[in-house]
């Protein structure tokens, strides 16, 4: 039961912070790829950097596709409509005349 609550809270955080999630995945992808490529002794430094960038771009595309899938799911489940409704509620503002 606690595991489901943890998973739900992580999903909720990812839904509310999609771009931060994609950025963190990109940063971890490029750091991991640089670390891996630096262990390859027979490659030039420029090739190592290019490979790290390509790996990070592929991970970023996958993360963006995942964010799009989450957005699609939220749109069809009605969860997004509830979140947006909070911001669209009419507020009483005094009119200046």
PDB file of N, CA and C in Angstrom:
ATOM      1  N   UNK A   1       0.818  -1.188   0.000  1.00  0.00           N
ATOM      2  CA  UNK A   1       0.000   0.000   0.000  1.00  0.00           C
ATOM      3  C   UNK A   1       0.864   1.255   0.000  1.00  0.00           C
ATOM      4  N   UNK A   2       1.911   1.275   0.824  1.00  0.00           N
ATOM      5  CA  UNK A   2       2.796   2.440   0.879  1.00  0.00           C
ATOM      6  C   UNK A   2       3.539   2.604  -0.446  1.00  0.00           C
ATOM      7  N   UNK A   3       3.851   1.488  -1.105  1.00  0.00           N
ATOM      8  CA  UNK A   3       4.543   1.563  -2.378  1.00  0.00           C
ATOM      9  C   UNK A   3       3.671   2.232  -3.435  1.00  0.00           C
ATOM     10  N   UNK A   4       2.381   1.947  -3.413  1.00  0.00           N
ATOM     11  CA  UNK A   4       1.477   2.575  -4.371  1.00  0.00           C
ATOM     12  C   UNK A   4       1.376   4.074  -4.100  1.00  0.00           C
ATOM     13  N   UNK A   5       1.334   4.476  -2.829  1.00  0.00           N
ATOM     14  CA  UNK A   5       1.279   5.891  -2.505  1.00  0.00           C
ATOM     15  C   UNK A   5       2.551   6.598  -2.957  1.00  0.00           C
ATOM     16  N   UNK A   6       3.698   5.947  -2.798  1.00  0.00           N
ATOM     17  CA  UNK A   6       4.951   6.530  -3.235  1.00  0.00           C
ATOM     18  C   UNK A   6       4.964   6.677  -4.748  1.00  0.00           C
ATOM     19  N   UNK A   7       4.530   5.648  -5.449  1.00  0.00           N
ATOM     20  CA  UNK A   7       4.473   5.701  -6.899  1.00  0.00           C
ATOM     21  C   UNK A   7       3.511   6.792  -7.363  1.00  0.00           C
ATOM     22  N   UNK A   8       2.386   6.915  -6.707  1.00  0.00           N
ATOM     23  CA  UNK A   8       1.406   7.947  -7.062  1.00  0.00           C
ATOM     24  C   UNK A   8       1.959   9.344  -6.799  1.00  0.00           C
ATOM     25  N   UNK A   9       2.680   9.513  -5.703  1.00  0.00           N
ATOM     26  CA  UNK A   9       3.243  10.833  -5.409  1.00  0.00           C
ATOM     27  C   UNK A   9       4.338  11.192  -6.409  1.00  0.00           C
ATOM     28  N   UNK A  10       5.138  10.209  -6.841  1.00  0.00           N
ATOM     29  CA  UNK A  10       6.153  10.460  -7.864  1.00  0.00           C
ATOM     30  C   UNK A  10       5.480  10.823  -9.176  1.00  0.00           C
ATOM     31  N   UNK A  11       4.442  10.107  -9.551  1.00  0.00           N
ATOM     32  CA  UNK A  11       3.715  10.415 -10.787  1.00  0.00           C
ATOM     33  C   UNK A  11       3.133  11.814 -10.741  1.00  0.00           C
ATOM     34  N   UNK A  12       2.573  12.181  -9.602  1.00  0.00           N
ATOM     35  CA  UNK A  12       1.982  13.513  -9.460  1.00  0.00           C
ATOM     36  C   UNK A  12       3.051  14.594  -9.605  1.00  0.00           C
ATOM     37  N   UNK A  13       4.235  14.359  -8.988  1.00  0.00           N
ATOM     38  CA  UNK A  13       5.314  15.336  -9.093  1.00  0.00           C
ATOM     39  C   UNK A  13       5.772  15.469 -10.543  1.00  0.00           C
ATOM     40  N   UNK A  14       5.903  14.340 -11.244  1.00  0.00           N
ATOM     41  CA  UNK A  14       6.342  14.369 -12.642  1.00  0.00           C
ATOM     42  C   UNK A  14       5.323  15.106 -13.508  1.00  0.00           C
ATOM     43  N   UNK A  15       4.040  14.905 -13.233  1.00  0.00           N
ATOM     44  CA  UNK A  15       2.999  15.585 -14.006  1.00  0.00           C
ATOM     45  C   UNK A  15       3.100  17.092 -13.821  1.00  0.00           C
ATOM     46  N   UNK A  16       3.376  17.527 -12.607  1.00  0.00           N
ATOM     47  CA  UNK A  16       3.425  18.965 -12.336  1.00  0.00           C
ATOM     48  C   UNK A  16       4.756  19.597 -12.725  1.00  0.00           C
ATOM     49  N   UNK A  17       5.808  18.802 -12.883  1.00  0.00           N
ATOM     50  CA  UNK A  17       7.135  19.323 -13.205  1.00  0.00           C
ATOM     51  C   UNK A  17       7.730  18.596 -14.411  1.00  0.00           C
ATOM     52  N   UNK A  18       7.031  18.602 -15.521  1.00  0.00           N
ATOM     53  CA  UNK A  18       7.471  17.854 -16.702  1.00  0.00           C
ATOM     54  C   UNK A  18       8.816  18.340 -17.231  1.00  0.00           C
ATOM     55  N   UNK A  19       8.964  19.640 -17.389  1.00  0.00           N
ATOM     56  CA  UNK A  19      10.202  20.147 -17.969  1.00  0.00           C
ATOM     57  C   UNK A  19      11.389  19.956 -17.031  1.00  0.00           C
ATOM     58  N   UNK A  20      11.170  20.089 -15.742  1.00  0.00           N
ATOM     59  CA  UNK A  20      12.247  19.844 -14.780  1.00  0.00           C
ATOM     60  C   UNK A  20      12.674  18.376 -14.849  1.00  0.00           C
ATOM     61  N   UNK A  21      11.706  17.487 -15.009  1.00  0.00           N
ATOM     62  CA  UNK A  21      12.012  16.064 -15.119  1.00  0.00           C
ATOM     63  C   UNK A  21      12.841  15.777 -16.370  1.00  0.00           C
ATOM     64  N   UNK A  22      12.438  16.363 -17.495  1.00  0.00           N
ATOM     65  CA  UNK A  22      13.177  16.170 -18.748  1.00  0.00           C
ATOM     66  C   UNK A  22      14.593  16.735 -18.613  1.00  0.00           C
ATOM     67  N   UNK A  23      14.724  17.905 -17.991  1.00  0.00           N
ATOM     68  CA  UNK A  23      16.042  18.497 -17.793  1.00  0.00           C
ATOM     69  C   UNK A  23      16.936  17.646 -16.913  1.00  0.00           C
ATOM     70  N   UNK A  24      16.381  17.101 -15.853  1.00  0.00           N
ATOM     71  CA  UNK A  24      17.161  16.230 -14.969  1.00  0.00           C
ATOM     72  C   UNK A  24      17.586  14.955 -15.686  1.00  0.00           C
ATOM     73  N   UNK A  25      16.697  14.397 -16.496  1.00  0.00           N
ATOM     74  CA  UNK A  25      17.061  13.206 -17.270  1.00  0.00           C
ATOM     75  C   UNK A  25      18.161  13.518 -18.275  1.00  0.00           C
ATOM     76  N   UNK A  26      18.080  14.699 -18.902  1.00  0.00           N
ATOM     77  CA  UNK A  26      19.114  15.091 -19.854  1.00  0.00           C
ATOM     78  C   UNK A  26      20.454  15.218 -19.146  1.00  0.00           C
ATOM     79  N   UNK A  27      20.455  15.906 -17.995  1.00  0.00           N
ATOM     80  CA  UNK A  27      21.699  16.108 -17.257  1.00  0.00           C
ATOM     81  C   UNK A  27      22.300  14.782 -16.794  1.00  0.00           C
ATOM     82  N   UNK A  28      21.470  13.900 -16.264  1.00  0.00           N
ATOM     83  CA  UNK A  28      21.988  12.608 -15.826  1.00  0.00           C
ATOM     84  C   UNK A  28      22.431  11.761 -17.019  1.00  0.00           C
ATOM     85  N   UNK A  29      21.745  11.887 -18.141  1.00  0.00           N
ATOM     86  CA  UNK A  29      22.132  11.145 -19.348  1.00  0.00           C
ATOM     87  C   UNK A  29      23.475  11.586 -19.883  1.00  0.00           C
ATOM     88  N   UNK A  30      23.679  12.899 -19.935  1.00  0.00           N
ATOM     89  CA  UNK A  30      24.955  13.370 -20.472  1.00  0.00           C
ATOM     90  C   UNK A  30      26.093  13.063 -19.500  1.00  0.00           C
ATOM     91  N   UNK A  31      25.837  13.162 -18.184  1.00  0.00           N
ATOM     92  CA  UNK A  31      26.872  12.840 -17.197  1.00  0.00           C
ATOM     93  C   UNK A  31      27.231  11.356 -17.256  1.00  0.00           C
ATOM     94  N   UNK A  32      26.234  10.495 -17.334  1.00  0.00           N
ATOM     95  CA  UNK A  32      26.486   9.059 -17.423  1.00  0.00           C
ATOM     96  C   UNK A  32      27.199   8.675 -18.708  1.00  0.00           C
ATOM     97  N   UNK A  33      26.794   9.310 -19.800  1.00  0.00           N
ATOM     98  CA  UNK A  33      27.416   8.996 -21.079  1.00  0.00           C
ATOM     99  C   UNK A  33      28.863   9.472 -21.123  1.00  0.00           C
ATOM    100  N   UNK A  34      29.135  10.654 -20.554  1.00  0.00           N
ATOM    101  CA  UNK A  34      30.520  11.132 -20.504  1.00  0.00           C
ATOM    102  C   UNK A  34      31.356  10.193 -19.644  1.00  0.00           C
ATOM    103  N   UNK A  35      30.805   9.776 -18.514  1.00  0.00           N
ATOM    104  CA  UNK A  35      31.541   8.859 -17.636  1.00  0.00           C
ATOM    105  C   UNK A  35      31.835   7.546 -18.351  1.00  0.00           C
ATOM    106  N   UNK A  36      30.863   7.035 -19.086  1.00  0.00           N
ATOM    107  CA  UNK A  36      31.082   5.779 -19.817  1.00  0.00           C
ATOM    108  C   UNK A  36      32.106   5.967 -20.938  1.00  0.00           C
ATOM    109  N   UNK A  37      31.941   7.040 -21.715  1.00  0.00           N
ATOM    110  CA  UNK A  37      32.837   7.261 -22.850  1.00  0.00           C
ATOM    111  C   UNK A  37      34.265   7.538 -22.405  1.00  0.00           C
ATOM    112  N   UNK A  38      34.448   8.136 -21.240  1.00  0.00           N
ATOM    113  CA  UNK A  38      35.804   8.409 -20.762  1.00  0.00           C
ATOM    114  C   UNK A  38      36.535   7.118 -20.387  1.00  0.00           C
ATOM    115  N   UNK A  39      35.776   6.053 -20.167  1.00  0.00           N
ATOM    116  CA  UNK A  39      36.430   4.778 -19.853  1.00  0.00           C
ATOM    117  C   UNK A  39      36.896   4.051 -21.119  1.00  0.00           C
ATOM    118  N   UNK A  40      36.553   4.567 -22.268  1.00  0.00           N
ATOM    119  CA  UNK A  40      36.984   3.980 -23.542  1.00  0.00           C
ATOM    120  C   UNK A  40      38.311   4.627 -23.952  1.00  0.00           C
ATOM    121  N   UNK A  41      39.425   3.910 -23.825  1.00  0.00           N
ATOM    122  CA  UNK A  41      40.730   4.543 -24.026  1.00  0.00           C
ATOM    123  C   UNK A  41      41.100   4.812 -25.494  1.00  0.00           C
ATOM    124  N   UNK A  42      40.485   4.137 -26.428  1.00  0.00           N
ATOM    125  CA  UNK A  42      40.928   4.255 -27.817  1.00  0.00           C
ATOM    126  C   UNK A  42      40.093   5.233 -28.644  1.00  0.00           C
ATOM    127  N   UNK A  43      39.378   6.158 -27.996  1.00  0.00           N
ATOM    128  CA  UNK A  43      38.572   7.150 -28.720  1.00  0.00           C
ATOM    129  C   UNK A  43      39.144   8.545 -28.467  1.00  0.00           C
ATOM    130  N   UNK A  44      39.037   9.405 -29.484  1.00  0.00           N
ATOM    131  CA  UNK A  44      39.474  10.786 -29.320  1.00  0.00           C
ATOM    132  C   UNK A  44      38.478  11.514 -28.402  1.00  0.00           C
ATOM    133  N   UNK A  45      38.945  12.575 -27.771  1.00  0.00           N
ATOM    134  CA  UNK A  45      38.097  13.346 -26.857  1.00  0.00           C
ATOM    135  C   UNK A  45      36.891  13.932 -27.586  1.00  0.00           C
ATOM    136  N   UNK A  46      37.087  14.421 -28.796  1.00  0.00           N
ATOM    137  CA  UNK A  46      35.971  15.006 -29.548  1.00  0.00           C
ATOM    138  C   UNK A  46      34.897  13.959 -29.840  1.00  0.00           C
ATOM    139  N   UNK A  47      35.303  12.744 -30.138  1.00  0.00           N
ATOM    140  CA  UNK A  47      34.343  11.667 -30.406  1.00  0.00           C
ATOM    141  C   UNK A  47      33.591  11.301 -29.128  1.00  0.00           C
ATOM    142  N   UNK A  48      34.298  11.305 -27.992  1.00  0.00           N
ATOM    143  CA  UNK A  48      33.649  11.019 -26.710  1.00  0.00           C
ATOM    144  C   UNK A  48      32.572  12.044 -26.414  1.00  0.00           C
ATOM    145  N   UNK A  49      32.862  13.321 -26.653  1.00  0.00           N
ATOM    146  CA  UNK A  49      31.889  14.389 -26.382  1.00  0.00           C
ATOM    147  C   UNK A  49      30.704  14.284 -27.331  1.00  0.00           C
ATOM    148  N   UNK A  50      30.966  13.992 -28.598  1.00  0.00           N
ATOM    149  CA  UNK A  50      29.876  13.856 -29.579  1.00  0.00           C
ATOM    150  C   UNK A  50      28.976  12.682 -29.205  1.00  0.00           C
ATOM    151  N   UNK A  51      29.558  11.569 -28.811  1.00  0.00           N
ATOM    152  CA  UNK A  51      28.753  10.410 -28.410  1.00  0.00           C
ATOM    153  C   UNK A  51      27.917  10.724 -27.172  1.00  0.00           C
ATOM    154  N   UNK A  52      28.504  11.431 -26.214  1.00  0.00           N
ATOM    155  CA  UNK A  52      27.761  11.803 -25.007  1.00  0.00           C
ATOM    156  C   UNK A  52      26.569  12.684 -25.358  1.00  0.00           C
ATOM    157  N   UNK A  53      26.786  13.623 -26.276  1.00  0.00           N
ATOM    158  CA  UNK A  53      25.691  14.505 -26.690  1.00  0.00           C
ATOM    159  C   UNK A  53      24.588  13.726 -27.406  1.00  0.00           C
ATOM    160  N   UNK A  54      24.970  12.801 -28.257  1.00  0.00           N
ATOM    161  CA  UNK A  54      23.970  12.002 -28.970  1.00  0.00           C
ATOM    162  C   UNK A  54      23.164  11.122 -28.013  1.00  0.00           C
ATOM    163  N   UNK A  55      23.848  10.514 -27.046  1.00  0.00           N
ATOM    164  CA  UNK A  55      23.133   9.695 -26.060  1.00  0.00           C
ATOM    165  C   UNK A  55      22.174  10.551 -25.246  1.00  0.00           C
ATOM    166  N   UNK A  56      22.613  11.738 -24.849  1.00  0.00           N
ATOM    167  CA  UNK A  56      21.747  12.631 -24.072  1.00  0.00           C
ATOM    168  C   UNK A  56      20.551  13.091 -24.903  1.00  0.00           C
ATOM    169  N   UNK A  57      20.755  13.348 -26.189  1.00  0.00           N
ATOM    170  CA  UNK A  57      19.637  13.744 -27.045  1.00  0.00           C
ATOM    171  C   UNK A  57      18.625  12.609 -27.184  1.00  0.00           C
ATOM    172  N   UNK A  58      19.095  11.391 -27.327  1.00  0.00           N
ATOM    173  CA  UNK A  58      18.166  10.255 -27.430  1.00  0.00           C
ATOM    174  C   UNK A  58      17.379  10.095 -26.136  1.00  0.00           C
ATOM    175  N   UNK A  59      18.046  10.240 -25.000  1.00  0.00           N
ATOM    176  CA  UNK A  59      17.350  10.142 -23.718  1.00  0.00           C
ATOM    177  C   UNK A  59      16.341  11.267 -23.559  1.00  0.00           C
ATOM    178  N   UNK A  60      16.696  12.470 -24.007  1.00  0.00           N
ATOM    179  CA  UNK A  60      15.780  13.607 -23.925  1.00  0.00           C
ATOM    180  C   UNK A  60      14.553  13.383 -24.797  1.00  0.00           C
ATOM    181  N   UNK A  61      14.744  12.855 -25.995  1.00  0.00           N
ATOM    182  CA  UNK A  61      13.591  12.557 -26.855  1.00  0.00           C
ATOM    183  C   UNK A  61      12.679  11.520 -26.210  1.00  0.00           C
ATOM    184  N   UNK A  62      13.272  10.516 -25.589  1.00  0.00           N
ATOM    185  CA  UNK A  62      12.467   9.511 -24.896  1.00  0.00           C
ATOM    186  C   UNK A  62      11.713  10.144 -23.723  1.00  0.00           C
ATOM    187  N   UNK A  63      12.364  11.038 -22.991  1.00  0.00           N
ATOM    188  CA  UNK A  63      11.706  11.709 -21.864  1.00  0.00           C
ATOM    189  C   UNK A  63      10.584  12.610 -22.354  1.00  0.00           C
ATOM    190  N   UNK A  64      10.790  13.311 -23.457  1.00  0.00           N
ATOM    191  CA  UNK A  64       9.727  14.158 -24.017  1.00  0.00           C
ATOM    192  C   UNK A  64       8.549  13.309 -24.497  1.00  0.00           C
ATOM    193  N   UNK A  65       8.834  12.162 -25.080  1.00  0.00           N
ATOM    194  CA  UNK A  65       7.760  11.256 -25.492  1.00  0.00           C
ATOM    195  C   UNK A  65       7.000  10.757 -24.268  1.00  0.00           C
ATOM    196  N   UNK A  66       7.718  10.461 -23.189  1.00  0.00           N
ATOM    197  CA  UNK A  66       7.058  10.056 -21.948  1.00  0.00           C
ATOM    198  C   UNK A  66       6.203  11.173 -21.369  1.00  0.00           C
ATOM    199  N   UNK A  67       6.716  12.408 -21.408  1.00  0.00           N
ATOM    200  CA  UNK A  67       5.938  13.550 -20.921  1.00  0.00           C
ATOM    201  C   UNK A  67       4.684  13.754 -21.769  1.00  0.00           C
ATOM    202  N   UNK A  68       4.815  13.546 -23.074  1.00  0.00           N
ATOM    203  CA  UNK A  68       3.645  13.662 -23.952  1.00  0.00           C
ATOM    204  C   UNK A  68       2.624  12.573 -23.635  1.00  0.00           C
ATOM    205  N   UNK A  69       3.098  11.374 -23.329  1.00  0.00           N
ATOM    206  CA  UNK A  69       2.183  10.283 -22.971  1.00  0.00           C
ATOM    207  C   UNK A  69       1.463  10.590 -21.661  1.00  0.00           C
ATOM    208  N   UNK A  70       2.182  11.151 -20.693  1.00  0.00           N
ATOM    209  CA  UNK A  70       1.550  11.533 -19.424  1.00  0.00           C
ATOM    210  C   UNK A  70       0.507  12.616 -19.656  1.00  0.00           C
ATOM    211  N   UNK A  71       0.844  13.598 -20.497  1.00  0.00           N
ATOM    212  CA  UNK A  71      -0.099  14.684 -20.814  1.00  0.00           C
ATOM    213  C   UNK A  71      -1.345  14.122 -21.504  1.00  0.00           C
ATOM    214  N   UNK A  72      -1.143  13.198 -22.420  1.00  0.00           N
ATOM    215  CA  UNK A  72      -2.263  12.572 -23.125  1.00  0.00           C
ATOM    216  C   UNK A  72      -3.151  11.805 -22.143  1.00  0.00           C
ATOM    217  N   UNK A  73      -2.516  11.048 -21.253  1.00  0.00           N
ATOM    218  CA  UNK A  73      -3.270  10.287 -20.255  1.00  0.00           C
ATOM    219  C   UNK A  73      -4.058  11.221 -19.338  1.00  0.00           C
ATOM    220  N   UNK A  74      -3.418  12.298 -18.884  1.00  0.00           N
ATOM    221  CA  UNK A  74      -4.104  13.250 -18.012  1.00  0.00           C
ATOM    222  C   UNK A  74      -5.266  13.920 -18.729  1.00  0.00           C
ATOM    223  N   UNK A  75      -5.074  14.219 -19.997  1.00  0.00           N
ATOM    224  CA  UNK A  75      -6.147  14.876 -20.764  1.00  0.00           C
ATOM    225  C   UNK A  75      -7.356  13.960 -20.901  1.00  0.00           C
ATOM    226  N   UNK A  76      -7.116  12.685 -21.159  1.00  0.00           N
ATOM    227  CA  UNK A  76      -8.224  11.754 -21.357  1.00  0.00           C
ATOM    228  C   UNK A  76      -8.826  11.239 -20.053  1.00  0.00           C
ATOM    229  N   UNK A  77      -8.065  11.297 -18.969  1.00  0.00           N
ATOM    230  CA  UNK A  77      -8.618  10.831 -17.695  1.00  0.00           C
ATOM    231  C   UNK A  77      -9.365  11.936 -16.958  1.00  0.00           C
ATOM    232  N   UNK A  78      -9.204  13.167 -17.400  1.00  0.00           N
ATOM    233  CA  UNK A  78      -9.892  14.280 -16.744  1.00  0.00           C
ATOM    234  C   UNK A  78      -9.103  14.890 -15.607  1.00  0.00           C
ATOM    235  N   UNK A  79      -7.948  14.355 -15.287  1.00  0.00           N
ATOM    236  CA  UNK A  79      -7.141  14.882 -14.182  1.00  0.00           C
ATOM    237  C   UNK A  79      -6.637  16.282 -14.499  1.00  0.00           C
ATOM    238  N   UNK A  80      -6.310  16.528 -15.752  1.00  0.00           N
ATOM    239  CA  UNK A  80      -5.803  17.843 -16.121  1.00  0.00           C
ATOM    240  C   UNK A  80      -6.910  18.888 -16.028  1.00  0.00           C
ATOM    241  N   UNK A  81      -8.116  18.505 -16.386  1.00  0.00           N
ATOM    242  CA  UNK A  81      -9.225  19.449 -16.322  1.00  0.00           C
ATOM    243  C   UNK A  81      -9.456  19.931 -14.889  1.00  0.00           C
ATOM    244  N   UNK A  82      -9.270  19.036 -13.935  1.00  0.00           N
ATOM    245  CA  UNK A  82      -9.440  19.427 -12.533  1.00  0.00           C
ATOM    246  C   UNK A  82      -8.346  20.394 -12.101  1.00  0.00           C
ATOM    247  N   UNK A  83      -7.112  20.166 -12.555  1.00  0.00           N
ATOM    248  CA  UNK A  83      -6.003  21.056 -12.192  1.00  0.00           C
ATOM    249  C   UNK A  83      -6.183  22.426 -12.811  1.00  0.00           C
ATOM    250  N   UNK A  84      -6.610  22.465 -14.070  1.00  0.00           N
ATOM    251  CA  UNK A  84      -6.766  23.736 -14.763  1.00  0.00           C
ATOM    252  C   UNK A  84      -7.953  24.512 -14.199  1.00  0.00           C
ATOM    253  N   UNK A  85      -8.976  23.805 -13.727  1.00  0.00           N
ATOM    254  CA  UNK A  85     -10.161  24.477 -13.195  1.00  0.00           C
ATOM    255  C   UNK A  85      -9.818  25.357 -12.005  1.00  0.00           C
ATOM    256  N   UNK A  86      -8.803  24.977 -11.235  1.00  0.00           N
ATOM    257  CA  UNK A  86      -8.389  25.808 -10.096  1.00  0.00           C
ATOM    258  C   UNK A  86      -7.975  27.199 -10.560  1.00  0.00           C
ATOM    259  N   UNK A  87      -7.301  27.277 -11.686  1.00  0.00           N
ATOM    260  CA  UNK A  87      -6.779  28.544 -12.165  1.00  0.00           C
ATOM    261  C   UNK A  87      -7.813  29.361 -12.925  1.00  0.00           C
ATOM    262  N   UNK A  88      -8.853  28.724 -13.381  1.00  0.00           N
ATOM    263  CA  UNK A  88      -9.846  29.424 -14.182  1.00  0.00           C
ATOM    264  C   UNK A  88     -11.073  29.862 -13.397  1.00  0.00           C
ATOM    265  N   UNK A  89     -11.098  29.589 -12.111  1.00  0.00           N
ATOM    266  CA  UNK A  89     -12.251  29.997 -11.312  1.00  0.00           C
ATOM    267  C   UNK A  89     -12.294  31.508 -11.259  1.00  0.00           C
ATOM    268  N   UNK A  90     -13.491  32.074 -11.457  1.00  0.00           N
ATOM    269  CA  UNK A  90     -13.598  33.538 -11.407  1.00  0.00           C
ATOM    270  C   UNK A  90     -13.291  34.051 -10.005  1.00  0.00           C
ATOM    271  N   UNK A  91     -12.528  35.107  -9.952  1.00  0.00           N
ATOM    272  CA  UNK A  91     -12.156  35.714  -8.687  1.00  0.00           C
ATOM    273  C   UNK A  91     -12.832  37.078  -8.608  1.00  0.00           C
ATOM    274  N   UNK A  92     -13.198  37.460  -7.425  1.00  0.00           N
ATOM    275  CA  UNK A  92     -13.827  38.759  -7.217  1.00  0.00           C
ATOM    276  C   UNK A  92     -12.747  39.829  -7.191  1.00  0.00           C
ATOM    277  N   UNK A  93     -12.737  40.668  -8.231  1.00  0.00           N
ATOM    278  CA  UNK A  93     -11.777  41.768  -8.301  1.00  0.00           C
ATOM    279  C   UNK A  93     -12.579  43.070  -8.264  1.00  0.00           C
ATOM    280  N   UNK A  94     -12.220  43.967  -7.415  1.00  0.00           N
ATOM    281  CA  UNK A  94     -12.929  45.256  -7.424  1.00  0.00           C
ATOM    282  C   UNK A  94     -12.597  46.025  -8.691  1.00  0.00           C
ATOM    283  N   UNK A  95     -13.610  46.515  -9.325  1.00  0.00           N
ATOM    284  CA  UNK A  95     -13.429  47.273 -10.563  1.00  0.00           C
ATOM    285  C   UNK A  95     -13.136  48.722 -10.217  1.00  0.00           C
ATOM    286  N   UNK A  96     -12.183  49.268 -10.891  1.00  0.00           N
ATOM    287  CA  UNK A  96     -11.888  50.688 -10.723  1.00  0.00           C
ATOM    288  C   UNK A  96     -12.725  51.456 -11.731  1.00  0.00           C
ATOM    289  N   UNK A  97     -13.458  52.390 -11.212  1.00  0.00           N
ATOM    290  CA  UNK A  97     -14.322  53.173 -12.118  1.00  0.00           C
ATOM    291  C   UNK A  97     -13.967  54.621 -12.043  1.00  0.00           C
TER     292      UNK A  97
END
